[in-house]
């Protein structure tokens, strides 16, 4: 199971699952109802952008993501555009004001320049990663894990930082956990598709 026990036991978790069900989840009724970004067909569809743009839901997301990142002692949080960008901003904005954790983003295609002030390699923007440290990659919805694994590879190839985990809002339970395990990457999610679709 990709959901850490500390999240399932947290008093905010049931409310966040309810908000994701209300704001992001569609059950199409048949296995080929939706074509996903991965090219697969699925009965279930998640659009987590309304969740990340909702005041209560975004606050709860930040609370639960930071709970896990604090436990992991993560120095940085970030991920691949587009879904990880608002999620990173939520995690940073809901951290304590004196938190040392900082955020960054990885472009799908580098624009040929890094951060001019941060000395980051091309396509990695936001906080400087030059001093190395530990990173949690965040993702909104995980199907196969391919996008997040791409972000991990970019970090490991282009910086001296170490990715210690990938955390997603929703694990669609369609193979990502096995892909991360095979790649040697710790993976967690705030909730699973089964959690959301159970009612």
N, C-alpha and C. Protein backbone atom coordinates (compact mmCIF):
# COMPACT_ATOMS: atom_id res chain seq x y z
N UNK A 1 0.85 -1.19 0.00
CA UNK A 1 0.00 0.00 0.00
C UNK A 1 0.89 1.25 0.00
N UNK A 2 0.60 2.19 -0.88
CA UNK A 2 1.46 3.36 -1.03
C UNK A 2 1.17 4.48 -0.03
N UNK A 3 0.08 4.39 0.74
CA UNK A 3 -0.28 5.44 1.69
C UNK A 3 0.33 5.12 3.05
N UNK A 4 1.14 6.03 3.58
CA UNK A 4 1.77 5.82 4.88
C UNK A 4 0.71 5.83 5.98
N UNK A 5 0.91 4.99 6.98
CA UNK A 5 -0.09 4.86 8.06
C UNK A 5 -0.32 6.17 8.80
N UNK A 6 0.71 7.02 8.90
CA UNK A 6 0.54 8.30 9.60
C UNK A 6 -0.46 9.20 8.89
N UNK A 7 -0.62 9.02 7.58
CA UNK A 7 -1.61 9.82 6.84
C UNK A 7 -3.01 9.28 7.04
N UNK A 8 -3.17 7.96 6.92
CA UNK A 8 -4.50 7.38 7.12
C UNK A 8 -5.05 7.67 8.51
N UNK A 9 -4.16 7.79 9.49
CA UNK A 9 -4.57 8.05 10.87
C UNK A 9 -4.73 9.53 11.17
N UNK A 10 -4.34 10.38 10.24
CA UNK A 10 -4.39 11.83 10.48
C UNK A 10 -5.83 12.32 10.39
N UNK A 11 -6.25 13.21 11.30
CA UNK A 11 -7.64 13.66 11.28
C UNK A 11 -8.06 14.41 10.01
N UNK A 12 -7.10 14.97 9.27
CA UNK A 12 -7.43 15.71 8.05
C UNK A 12 -7.60 14.81 6.83
N UNK A 13 -7.11 13.57 6.91
CA UNK A 13 -7.08 12.71 5.73
C UNK A 13 -8.47 12.39 5.17
N UNK A 14 -9.46 11.99 5.99
CA UNK A 14 -10.78 11.69 5.41
C UNK A 14 -11.40 12.88 4.69
N UNK A 15 -11.21 14.06 5.22
CA UNK A 15 -11.77 15.25 4.57
C UNK A 15 -11.10 15.50 3.23
N UNK A 16 -9.78 15.33 3.14
CA UNK A 16 -9.10 15.53 1.87
C UNK A 16 -9.55 14.50 0.85
N UNK A 17 -9.70 13.24 1.25
CA UNK A 17 -10.20 12.21 0.33
C UNK A 17 -11.58 12.62 -0.19
N UNK A 18 -12.42 13.12 0.69
CA UNK A 18 -13.76 13.56 0.30
C UNK A 18 -13.71 14.70 -0.70
N UNK A 19 -12.80 15.65 -0.49
CA UNK A 19 -12.67 16.78 -1.41
C UNK A 19 -12.13 16.33 -2.77
N UNK A 20 -11.19 15.40 -2.78
CA UNK A 20 -10.69 14.87 -4.05
C UNK A 20 -11.81 14.16 -4.79
N UNK A 21 -12.61 13.39 -4.07
CA UNK A 21 -13.76 12.71 -4.69
C UNK A 21 -14.73 13.72 -5.30
N UNK A 22 -14.98 14.79 -4.57
CA UNK A 22 -15.94 15.80 -5.01
C UNK A 22 -15.41 16.65 -6.16
N UNK A 23 -14.15 17.05 -6.09
CA UNK A 23 -13.60 18.04 -7.01
C UNK A 23 -12.84 17.46 -8.20
N UNK A 24 -12.32 16.23 -8.07
CA UNK A 24 -11.37 15.74 -9.07
C UNK A 24 -11.75 14.45 -9.76
N UNK A 25 -12.64 13.67 -9.18
CA UNK A 25 -12.83 12.28 -9.60
C UNK A 25 -14.07 12.09 -10.46
N UNK A 26 -13.90 11.33 -11.56
CA UNK A 26 -15.03 10.93 -12.39
C UNK A 26 -14.93 9.43 -12.63
N UNK A 27 -16.03 8.72 -12.40
CA UNK A 27 -16.13 7.30 -12.73
C UNK A 27 -16.91 7.21 -14.03
N UNK A 28 -16.22 6.82 -15.11
CA UNK A 28 -16.86 6.78 -16.42
C UNK A 28 -17.73 5.57 -16.67
N UNK A 29 -17.64 4.57 -15.78
CA UNK A 29 -18.51 3.41 -15.88
C UNK A 29 -18.04 2.27 -16.75
N UNK A 30 -17.04 2.51 -17.59
CA UNK A 30 -16.48 1.42 -18.41
C UNK A 30 -14.97 1.58 -18.49
N UNK A 31 -14.28 0.47 -18.76
CA UNK A 31 -12.82 0.47 -18.72
C UNK A 31 -12.18 1.35 -19.78
N UNK A 32 -12.91 1.71 -20.84
CA UNK A 32 -12.34 2.54 -21.89
C UNK A 32 -12.97 3.93 -21.93
N UNK A 33 -13.51 4.36 -20.80
CA UNK A 33 -14.23 5.64 -20.77
C UNK A 33 -13.32 6.83 -21.04
N UNK A 34 -12.08 6.78 -20.56
CA UNK A 34 -11.16 7.92 -20.69
C UNK A 34 -9.83 7.46 -21.24
N UNK A 35 -9.23 8.28 -22.09
CA UNK A 35 -7.87 8.07 -22.55
C UNK A 35 -6.97 8.98 -21.73
N UNK A 36 -6.00 8.39 -21.04
CA UNK A 36 -5.13 9.14 -20.14
C UNK A 36 -3.93 9.69 -20.90
N UNK A 37 -3.18 10.58 -20.23
CA UNK A 37 -1.97 11.15 -20.83
C UNK A 37 -0.97 10.06 -21.19
N UNK A 38 -0.97 8.96 -20.44
CA UNK A 38 -0.07 7.84 -20.71
C UNK A 38 -0.46 7.06 -21.96
N UNK A 39 -1.67 7.36 -22.51
CA UNK A 39 -2.17 6.63 -23.67
C UNK A 39 -3.07 5.46 -23.29
N UNK A 40 -3.09 5.11 -22.01
CA UNK A 40 -3.95 4.02 -21.55
C UNK A 40 -5.40 4.47 -21.49
N UNK A 41 -6.29 3.50 -21.56
CA UNK A 41 -7.70 3.77 -21.33
C UNK A 41 -8.05 3.38 -19.90
N UNK A 42 -8.99 4.10 -19.32
CA UNK A 42 -9.35 3.83 -17.93
C UNK A 42 -10.80 4.19 -17.66
N UNK A 43 -11.37 3.50 -16.71
CA UNK A 43 -12.71 3.82 -16.24
C UNK A 43 -12.71 5.10 -15.40
N UNK A 44 -11.56 5.39 -14.74
CA UNK A 44 -11.49 6.47 -13.77
C UNK A 44 -10.65 7.63 -14.28
N UNK A 45 -11.10 8.83 -13.96
CA UNK A 45 -10.36 10.04 -14.35
C UNK A 45 -10.20 10.95 -13.13
N UNK A 46 -9.01 11.51 -12.98
CA UNK A 46 -8.73 12.46 -11.91
C UNK A 46 -8.20 13.74 -12.52
N UNK A 47 -8.84 14.87 -12.22
CA UNK A 47 -8.32 16.19 -12.56
C UNK A 47 -8.08 16.91 -11.24
N UNK A 48 -6.84 16.87 -10.78
CA UNK A 48 -6.54 17.41 -9.45
C UNK A 48 -6.30 18.92 -9.45
N UNK A 49 -6.34 19.56 -10.62
CA UNK A 49 -6.13 21.02 -10.64
C UNK A 49 -7.17 21.74 -9.77
N UNK A 50 -8.47 21.39 -9.85
CA UNK A 50 -9.43 22.05 -8.96
C UNK A 50 -9.14 21.82 -7.48
N UNK A 51 -8.54 20.67 -7.14
CA UNK A 51 -8.18 20.40 -5.74
C UNK A 51 -7.07 21.34 -5.30
N UNK A 52 -6.06 21.49 -6.16
CA UNK A 52 -4.91 22.34 -5.80
C UNK A 52 -5.28 23.82 -5.78
N UNK A 53 -6.37 24.20 -6.46
CA UNK A 53 -6.79 25.60 -6.50
C UNK A 53 -7.90 25.90 -5.49
N UNK A 54 -8.24 24.94 -4.66
CA UNK A 54 -9.32 25.09 -3.68
C UNK A 54 -8.70 25.43 -2.31
N UNK A 55 -9.18 26.48 -1.63
CA UNK A 55 -8.53 26.91 -0.38
C UNK A 55 -8.40 25.82 0.68
N UNK A 56 -9.50 25.15 0.99
CA UNK A 56 -9.43 24.13 2.04
C UNK A 56 -8.59 22.93 1.59
N UNK A 57 -8.84 22.46 0.36
CA UNK A 57 -8.13 21.28 -0.12
C UNK A 57 -6.63 21.53 -0.23
N UNK A 58 -6.24 22.71 -0.73
CA UNK A 58 -4.81 22.99 -0.88
C UNK A 58 -4.14 23.08 0.49
N UNK A 59 -4.84 23.63 1.46
CA UNK A 59 -4.28 23.69 2.82
C UNK A 59 -4.05 22.28 3.38
N UNK A 60 -5.04 21.41 3.18
CA UNK A 60 -4.91 20.03 3.66
C UNK A 60 -3.80 19.28 2.92
N UNK A 61 -3.69 19.51 1.61
CA UNK A 61 -2.60 18.90 0.85
C UNK A 61 -1.25 19.31 1.43
N UNK A 62 -1.08 20.61 1.66
CA UNK A 62 0.18 21.10 2.21
C UNK A 62 0.48 20.49 3.56
N UNK A 63 -0.54 20.40 4.40
CA UNK A 63 -0.38 19.83 5.73
C UNK A 63 0.13 18.39 5.65
N UNK A 64 -0.49 17.58 4.79
CA UNK A 64 -0.14 16.16 4.73
C UNK A 64 1.17 15.92 3.98
N UNK A 65 1.42 16.68 2.92
CA UNK A 65 2.71 16.55 2.24
C UNK A 65 3.84 16.94 3.18
N UNK A 66 3.67 18.03 3.91
CA UNK A 66 4.73 18.47 4.82
C UNK A 66 4.93 17.50 5.98
N UNK A 67 3.87 16.86 6.42
CA UNK A 67 4.00 15.84 7.46
C UNK A 67 4.98 14.75 7.02
N UNK A 68 4.81 14.26 5.81
CA UNK A 68 5.69 13.21 5.31
C UNK A 68 7.10 13.74 5.01
N UNK A 69 7.20 14.93 4.42
CA UNK A 69 8.52 15.48 4.09
C UNK A 69 9.31 15.82 5.35
N UNK A 70 8.61 16.27 6.40
CA UNK A 70 9.29 16.51 7.68
C UNK A 70 9.85 15.21 8.23
N UNK A 71 9.06 14.13 8.15
CA UNK A 71 9.54 12.83 8.63
C UNK A 71 10.76 12.36 7.86
N UNK A 72 10.85 12.75 6.59
CA UNK A 72 11.97 12.33 5.74
C UNK A 72 13.15 13.29 5.80
N UNK A 73 12.97 14.43 6.49
CA UNK A 73 14.01 15.47 6.54
C UNK A 73 14.42 15.95 5.15
N UNK A 74 13.44 16.19 4.30
CA UNK A 74 13.72 16.65 2.94
C UNK A 74 14.17 18.10 2.94
N UNK A 75 15.23 18.38 2.17
CA UNK A 75 15.72 19.76 2.04
C UNK A 75 14.96 20.53 0.97
N UNK A 76 14.53 19.82 -0.08
CA UNK A 76 13.87 20.46 -1.22
C UNK A 76 12.64 19.67 -1.63
N UNK A 77 11.71 20.39 -2.29
CA UNK A 77 10.53 19.76 -2.86
C UNK A 77 10.32 20.33 -4.25
N UNK A 78 9.97 19.46 -5.20
CA UNK A 78 9.72 19.94 -6.55
C UNK A 78 9.32 18.80 -7.45
N UNK A 79 9.20 19.11 -8.73
CA UNK A 79 8.83 18.07 -9.67
C UNK A 79 8.65 18.61 -11.06
N UNK A 80 8.14 17.75 -11.92
CA UNK A 80 8.02 18.04 -13.34
C UNK A 80 6.80 18.91 -13.61
N UNK A 81 6.99 19.92 -14.47
CA UNK A 81 5.83 20.73 -14.86
C UNK A 81 4.80 19.83 -15.57
N UNK A 82 3.58 20.06 -15.47
CA UNK A 82 2.86 21.18 -14.91
C UNK A 82 2.28 20.86 -13.53
N UNK A 83 1.87 19.63 -13.34
CA UNK A 83 1.15 19.29 -12.11
C UNK A 83 1.93 19.54 -10.84
N UNK A 84 3.25 19.34 -10.89
CA UNK A 84 4.05 19.50 -9.68
C UNK A 84 4.28 20.96 -9.30
N UNK A 85 4.07 21.88 -10.23
CA UNK A 85 4.38 23.29 -9.95
C UNK A 85 3.44 23.87 -8.89
N UNK A 86 2.10 23.81 -9.07
CA UNK A 86 1.25 24.32 -8.00
C UNK A 86 1.39 23.51 -6.72
N UNK A 87 1.63 22.21 -6.84
CA UNK A 87 1.77 21.37 -5.66
C UNK A 87 3.01 21.75 -4.85
N UNK A 88 4.10 22.07 -5.55
CA UNK A 88 5.31 22.54 -4.88
C UNK A 88 5.04 23.86 -4.17
N UNK A 89 4.35 24.76 -4.85
CA UNK A 89 4.04 26.06 -4.24
C UNK A 89 3.17 25.89 -3.00
N UNK A 90 2.22 24.97 -3.05
CA UNK A 90 1.37 24.69 -1.88
C UNK A 90 2.21 24.18 -0.73
N UNK A 91 3.10 23.23 -1.01
CA UNK A 91 3.93 22.64 0.05
C UNK A 91 4.82 23.69 0.70
N UNK A 92 5.41 24.57 -0.11
CA UNK A 92 6.28 25.61 0.44
C UNK A 92 5.46 26.64 1.21
N UNK A 93 4.33 27.06 0.64
CA UNK A 93 3.52 28.11 1.28
C UNK A 93 2.91 27.67 2.60
N UNK A 94 2.66 26.37 2.76
CA UNK A 94 2.05 25.89 4.00
C UNK A 94 3.09 25.39 5.01
N UNK A 95 4.37 25.53 4.67
CA UNK A 95 5.43 25.21 5.64
C UNK A 95 5.52 26.35 6.66
N UNK A 96 6.08 26.09 7.83
CA UNK A 96 6.34 27.19 8.76
C UNK A 96 7.24 28.24 8.10
N UNK A 97 7.08 29.51 8.49
CA UNK A 97 7.84 30.58 7.85
C UNK A 97 9.34 30.41 7.99
N UNK A 98 9.78 29.71 9.04
CA UNK A 98 11.21 29.52 9.24
C UNK A 98 11.71 28.18 8.69
N UNK A 99 10.88 27.50 7.91
CA UNK A 99 11.28 26.21 7.35
C UNK A 99 12.45 26.38 6.39
N UNK A 100 13.46 25.51 6.47
CA UNK A 100 14.57 25.59 5.52
C UNK A 100 14.26 24.97 4.17
N UNK A 101 13.14 24.25 4.06
CA UNK A 101 12.82 23.55 2.81
C UNK A 101 12.44 24.56 1.72
N UNK A 102 12.95 24.33 0.52
CA UNK A 102 12.70 25.23 -0.60
C UNK A 102 12.19 24.43 -1.79
N UNK A 103 11.57 25.14 -2.74
CA UNK A 103 10.97 24.49 -3.89
C UNK A 103 11.67 24.78 -5.21
N UNK A 104 11.42 23.90 -6.17
CA UNK A 104 11.97 24.06 -7.52
C UNK A 104 11.04 23.35 -8.50
N UNK A 105 11.29 23.55 -9.79
CA UNK A 105 10.53 22.86 -10.82
C UNK A 105 11.48 22.34 -11.89
N UNK A 106 11.06 21.27 -12.55
CA UNK A 106 11.83 20.70 -13.65
C UNK A 106 10.99 20.85 -14.91
N UNK A 107 11.52 21.53 -15.90
CA UNK A 107 10.80 21.66 -17.17
C UNK A 107 10.88 20.35 -17.95
N UNK A 108 9.82 20.04 -18.66
CA UNK A 108 9.84 18.82 -19.48
C UNK A 108 10.92 18.90 -20.55
N UNK A 109 11.09 20.10 -21.12
CA UNK A 109 12.15 20.33 -22.09
C UNK A 109 12.92 21.57 -21.65
N UNK A 110 14.23 21.44 -21.38
CA UNK A 110 15.02 22.62 -20.98
C UNK A 110 14.94 23.70 -22.04
N UNK A 111 14.95 24.96 -21.58
CA UNK A 111 14.86 26.08 -22.52
C UNK A 111 16.24 26.56 -22.95
N UNK A 112 17.29 25.83 -22.58
CA UNK A 112 18.62 26.22 -23.00
C UNK A 112 19.35 27.08 -21.99
N UNK A 113 18.71 27.33 -20.86
CA UNK A 113 19.37 28.11 -19.82
C UNK A 113 18.89 27.61 -18.47
N UNK A 114 19.72 27.74 -17.49
CA UNK A 114 19.32 27.41 -16.13
C UNK A 114 18.91 28.67 -15.42
N UNK A 115 18.86 28.61 -14.11
CA UNK A 115 18.57 29.82 -13.37
C UNK A 115 19.81 30.70 -13.36
N UNK A 116 19.72 31.89 -13.92
CA UNK A 116 20.90 32.75 -14.01
C UNK A 116 21.43 33.12 -12.64
N UNK A 117 20.53 33.25 -11.68
CA UNK A 117 20.97 33.63 -10.33
C UNK A 117 21.25 32.39 -9.48
N UNK A 118 20.62 31.28 -9.79
CA UNK A 118 20.74 30.09 -8.95
C UNK A 118 21.83 29.13 -9.40
N UNK A 119 22.33 29.31 -10.63
CA UNK A 119 23.32 28.39 -11.20
C UNK A 119 22.79 26.97 -11.36
N UNK A 120 21.48 26.82 -11.46
CA UNK A 120 20.92 25.50 -11.74
C UNK A 120 21.16 25.14 -13.20
N UNK A 121 21.20 23.85 -13.50
CA UNK A 121 21.34 23.45 -14.90
C UNK A 121 20.09 23.82 -15.70
N UNK A 122 20.20 23.86 -17.03
CA UNK A 122 19.04 24.22 -17.85
C UNK A 122 17.82 23.35 -17.55
N UNK A 123 16.69 24.02 -17.40
CA UNK A 123 15.43 23.32 -17.18
C UNK A 123 15.09 23.06 -15.72
N UNK A 124 15.99 23.37 -14.81
CA UNK A 124 15.69 23.24 -13.38
C UNK A 124 15.66 24.65 -12.81
N UNK A 125 14.48 25.08 -12.37
CA UNK A 125 14.28 26.48 -11.99
C UNK A 125 13.68 26.59 -10.61
N UNK A 126 13.90 27.75 -10.01
CA UNK A 126 13.42 28.00 -8.65
C UNK A 126 14.61 28.14 -7.72
N UNK A 127 14.58 27.43 -6.62
CA UNK A 127 15.67 27.47 -5.65
C UNK A 127 16.93 26.85 -6.21
N UNK A 128 18.08 27.40 -5.82
CA UNK A 128 19.36 26.82 -6.23
C UNK A 128 19.54 25.45 -5.58
N UNK A 129 19.93 24.48 -6.39
CA UNK A 129 20.25 23.14 -5.91
C UNK A 129 21.77 22.92 -5.86
N UNK A 130 22.53 24.00 -5.99
CA UNK A 130 23.98 23.90 -6.11
C UNK A 130 24.65 23.33 -4.86
N UNK A 131 24.03 23.52 -3.69
CA UNK A 131 24.66 23.06 -2.45
C UNK A 131 24.30 21.62 -2.12
N UNK A 132 23.65 20.93 -3.03
CA UNK A 132 23.20 19.55 -2.88
C UNK A 132 22.16 19.43 -1.77
N UNK A 133 21.79 18.23 -1.37
CA UNK A 133 20.77 18.02 -0.35
C UNK A 133 19.80 16.92 -0.78
N UNK A 134 18.78 16.70 0.03
CA UNK A 134 17.80 15.65 -0.22
C UNK A 134 16.52 16.24 -0.79
N UNK A 135 15.91 15.51 -1.71
CA UNK A 135 14.76 16.01 -2.47
C UNK A 135 13.60 15.02 -2.40
N UNK A 136 12.39 15.57 -2.26
CA UNK A 136 11.17 14.82 -2.49
C UNK A 136 10.54 15.37 -3.77
N UNK A 137 10.31 14.47 -4.72
CA UNK A 137 9.61 14.82 -5.96
C UNK A 137 8.12 14.64 -5.71
N UNK A 138 7.32 15.64 -6.07
CA UNK A 138 5.87 15.56 -5.89
C UNK A 138 5.19 15.46 -7.25
N UNK A 139 4.02 14.86 -7.23
CA UNK A 139 3.25 14.64 -8.46
C UNK A 139 1.77 14.67 -8.09
N UNK A 140 0.94 15.11 -9.03
CA UNK A 140 -0.49 15.17 -8.69
C UNK A 140 -1.16 13.81 -8.81
N UNK A 141 -1.08 13.18 -9.97
CA UNK A 141 -1.69 11.85 -10.16
C UNK A 141 -0.64 10.93 -10.77
N UNK A 142 -0.48 9.74 -10.21
CA UNK A 142 0.53 8.81 -10.70
C UNK A 142 -0.16 7.59 -11.31
N UNK A 143 0.16 7.32 -12.58
CA UNK A 143 -0.39 6.15 -13.27
C UNK A 143 0.70 5.10 -13.42
N UNK A 144 1.68 5.39 -14.28
CA UNK A 144 2.78 4.44 -14.50
C UNK A 144 4.05 4.85 -13.79
N UNK A 145 4.12 6.11 -13.34
CA UNK A 145 5.32 6.61 -12.68
C UNK A 145 6.34 7.20 -13.63
N UNK A 146 6.08 7.15 -14.94
CA UNK A 146 7.06 7.59 -15.92
C UNK A 146 7.50 9.03 -15.79
N UNK A 147 6.57 9.95 -15.56
CA UNK A 147 6.92 11.37 -15.46
C UNK A 147 7.80 11.65 -14.25
N UNK A 148 7.44 11.08 -13.12
CA UNK A 148 8.23 11.31 -11.91
C UNK A 148 9.61 10.67 -12.03
N UNK A 149 9.69 9.50 -12.63
CA UNK A 149 10.99 8.84 -12.81
C UNK A 149 11.88 9.70 -13.71
N UNK A 150 11.28 10.34 -14.72
CA UNK A 150 12.03 11.25 -15.59
C UNK A 150 12.59 12.41 -14.77
N UNK A 151 11.78 12.97 -13.85
CA UNK A 151 12.26 14.07 -13.01
C UNK A 151 13.39 13.61 -12.09
N UNK A 152 13.26 12.40 -11.53
CA UNK A 152 14.31 11.86 -10.66
C UNK A 152 15.61 11.72 -11.44
N UNK A 153 15.52 11.18 -12.65
CA UNK A 153 16.72 10.99 -13.47
C UNK A 153 17.39 12.32 -13.78
N UNK A 154 16.59 13.35 -14.07
CA UNK A 154 17.16 14.68 -14.36
C UNK A 154 17.91 15.21 -13.14
N UNK A 155 17.31 15.07 -11.97
CA UNK A 155 17.96 15.55 -10.75
C UNK A 155 19.27 14.80 -10.52
N UNK A 156 19.24 13.48 -10.62
CA UNK A 156 20.44 12.68 -10.36
C UNK A 156 21.52 12.90 -11.41
N UNK A 157 21.12 13.14 -12.66
CA UNK A 157 22.11 13.35 -13.73
C UNK A 157 22.69 14.76 -13.73
N UNK A 158 21.87 15.76 -13.34
CA UNK A 158 22.27 17.15 -13.53
C UNK A 158 22.64 17.90 -12.26
N UNK A 159 22.42 17.29 -11.09
CA UNK A 159 22.77 17.96 -9.82
C UNK A 159 23.46 16.95 -8.90
N UNK A 160 23.94 17.45 -7.77
CA UNK A 160 24.53 16.56 -6.77
C UNK A 160 23.53 16.19 -5.68
N UNK A 161 22.25 16.55 -5.88
CA UNK A 161 21.20 16.23 -4.91
C UNK A 161 20.79 14.76 -5.03
N UNK A 162 20.16 14.27 -3.96
CA UNK A 162 19.65 12.89 -3.95
C UNK A 162 18.15 12.92 -3.72
N UNK A 163 17.42 12.27 -4.62
CA UNK A 163 15.97 12.13 -4.46
C UNK A 163 15.72 10.99 -3.48
N UNK A 164 15.02 11.31 -2.37
CA UNK A 164 14.77 10.30 -1.35
C UNK A 164 13.36 9.70 -1.45
N UNK A 165 12.48 10.35 -2.22
CA UNK A 165 11.12 9.82 -2.35
C UNK A 165 10.37 10.56 -3.44
N UNK A 166 9.35 9.90 -3.96
CA UNK A 166 8.32 10.52 -4.79
C UNK A 166 7.02 10.39 -4.02
N UNK A 167 6.29 11.51 -3.88
CA UNK A 167 4.99 11.49 -3.21
C UNK A 167 3.95 12.08 -4.17
N UNK A 168 2.87 11.35 -4.36
CA UNK A 168 1.80 11.77 -5.26
C UNK A 168 0.53 12.03 -4.45
N UNK A 169 -0.34 12.88 -4.99
CA UNK A 169 -1.65 13.04 -4.34
C UNK A 169 -2.41 11.72 -4.45
N UNK A 170 -2.53 11.21 -5.70
CA UNK A 170 -3.32 10.00 -5.94
C UNK A 170 -2.48 8.98 -6.70
N UNK A 171 -2.41 7.79 -6.15
CA UNK A 171 -1.86 6.63 -6.87
C UNK A 171 -3.02 5.93 -7.54
N UNK A 172 -3.03 5.90 -8.87
CA UNK A 172 -4.12 5.27 -9.61
C UNK A 172 -4.08 3.75 -9.51
N UNK A 173 -3.03 3.20 -8.90
CA UNK A 173 -2.88 1.74 -8.72
C UNK A 173 -2.84 1.02 -10.07
N UNK A 174 -2.07 1.57 -10.98
CA UNK A 174 -1.95 0.98 -12.31
C UNK A 174 -0.50 0.71 -12.67
N UNK A 175 0.30 0.32 -11.68
CA UNK A 175 1.66 -0.10 -11.98
C UNK A 175 2.77 0.80 -11.50
N UNK A 176 2.45 2.00 -11.01
CA UNK A 176 3.50 2.93 -10.60
C UNK A 176 4.35 2.37 -9.46
N UNK A 177 3.70 1.78 -8.47
CA UNK A 177 4.46 1.28 -7.31
C UNK A 177 5.52 0.27 -7.75
N UNK A 178 5.18 -0.61 -8.67
CA UNK A 178 6.15 -1.59 -9.17
C UNK A 178 7.27 -0.91 -9.96
N UNK A 179 6.91 0.10 -10.75
CA UNK A 179 7.92 0.81 -11.56
C UNK A 179 8.91 1.54 -10.66
N UNK A 180 8.41 2.18 -9.61
CA UNK A 180 9.31 2.87 -8.69
C UNK A 180 10.20 1.87 -7.94
N UNK A 181 9.62 0.76 -7.54
CA UNK A 181 10.40 -0.26 -6.83
C UNK A 181 11.52 -0.78 -7.72
N UNK A 182 11.19 -1.03 -8.98
CA UNK A 182 12.20 -1.52 -9.92
C UNK A 182 13.31 -0.49 -10.14
N UNK A 183 12.93 0.80 -10.10
CA UNK A 183 13.90 1.88 -10.29
C UNK A 183 14.64 2.23 -9.00
N UNK A 184 14.28 1.59 -7.88
CA UNK A 184 14.94 1.86 -6.61
C UNK A 184 14.54 3.18 -5.99
N UNK A 185 13.32 3.62 -6.24
CA UNK A 185 12.83 4.91 -5.74
C UNK A 185 11.70 4.67 -4.75
N UNK A 186 11.81 5.27 -3.56
CA UNK A 186 10.74 5.15 -2.56
C UNK A 186 9.53 5.94 -3.06
N UNK A 187 8.36 5.30 -3.03
CA UNK A 187 7.13 5.94 -3.52
C UNK A 187 6.03 5.88 -2.48
N UNK A 188 5.33 6.99 -2.34
CA UNK A 188 4.16 7.08 -1.48
C UNK A 188 3.10 7.92 -2.18
N UNK A 189 1.87 7.79 -1.71
CA UNK A 189 0.82 8.69 -2.16
C UNK A 189 0.00 9.12 -0.95
N UNK A 190 -0.69 10.23 -1.11
CA UNK A 190 -1.56 10.69 -0.04
C UNK A 190 -2.80 9.80 0.05
N UNK A 191 -3.25 9.32 -1.11
CA UNK A 191 -4.39 8.41 -1.18
C UNK A 191 -4.28 7.58 -2.44
N UNK A 192 -5.11 6.55 -2.54
CA UNK A 192 -5.15 5.72 -3.74
C UNK A 192 -6.49 5.88 -4.44
N UNK A 193 -6.53 5.40 -5.68
CA UNK A 193 -7.79 5.41 -6.41
C UNK A 193 -8.86 4.64 -5.66
N UNK A 194 -8.48 3.53 -5.03
CA UNK A 194 -9.46 2.75 -4.27
C UNK A 194 -10.05 3.55 -3.11
N UNK A 195 -9.22 4.38 -2.47
CA UNK A 195 -9.73 5.23 -1.38
C UNK A 195 -10.81 6.16 -1.88
N UNK A 196 -10.57 6.76 -3.04
CA UNK A 196 -11.49 7.76 -3.59
C UNK A 196 -12.73 7.10 -4.19
N UNK A 197 -12.55 5.96 -4.87
CA UNK A 197 -13.66 5.32 -5.58
C UNK A 197 -14.48 4.39 -4.71
N UNK A 198 -14.15 4.32 -3.41
CA UNK A 198 -14.79 3.33 -2.54
C UNK A 198 -16.25 3.64 -2.25
N UNK A 199 -16.69 4.86 -2.47
CA UNK A 199 -18.10 5.18 -2.18
C UNK A 199 -18.89 5.36 -3.47
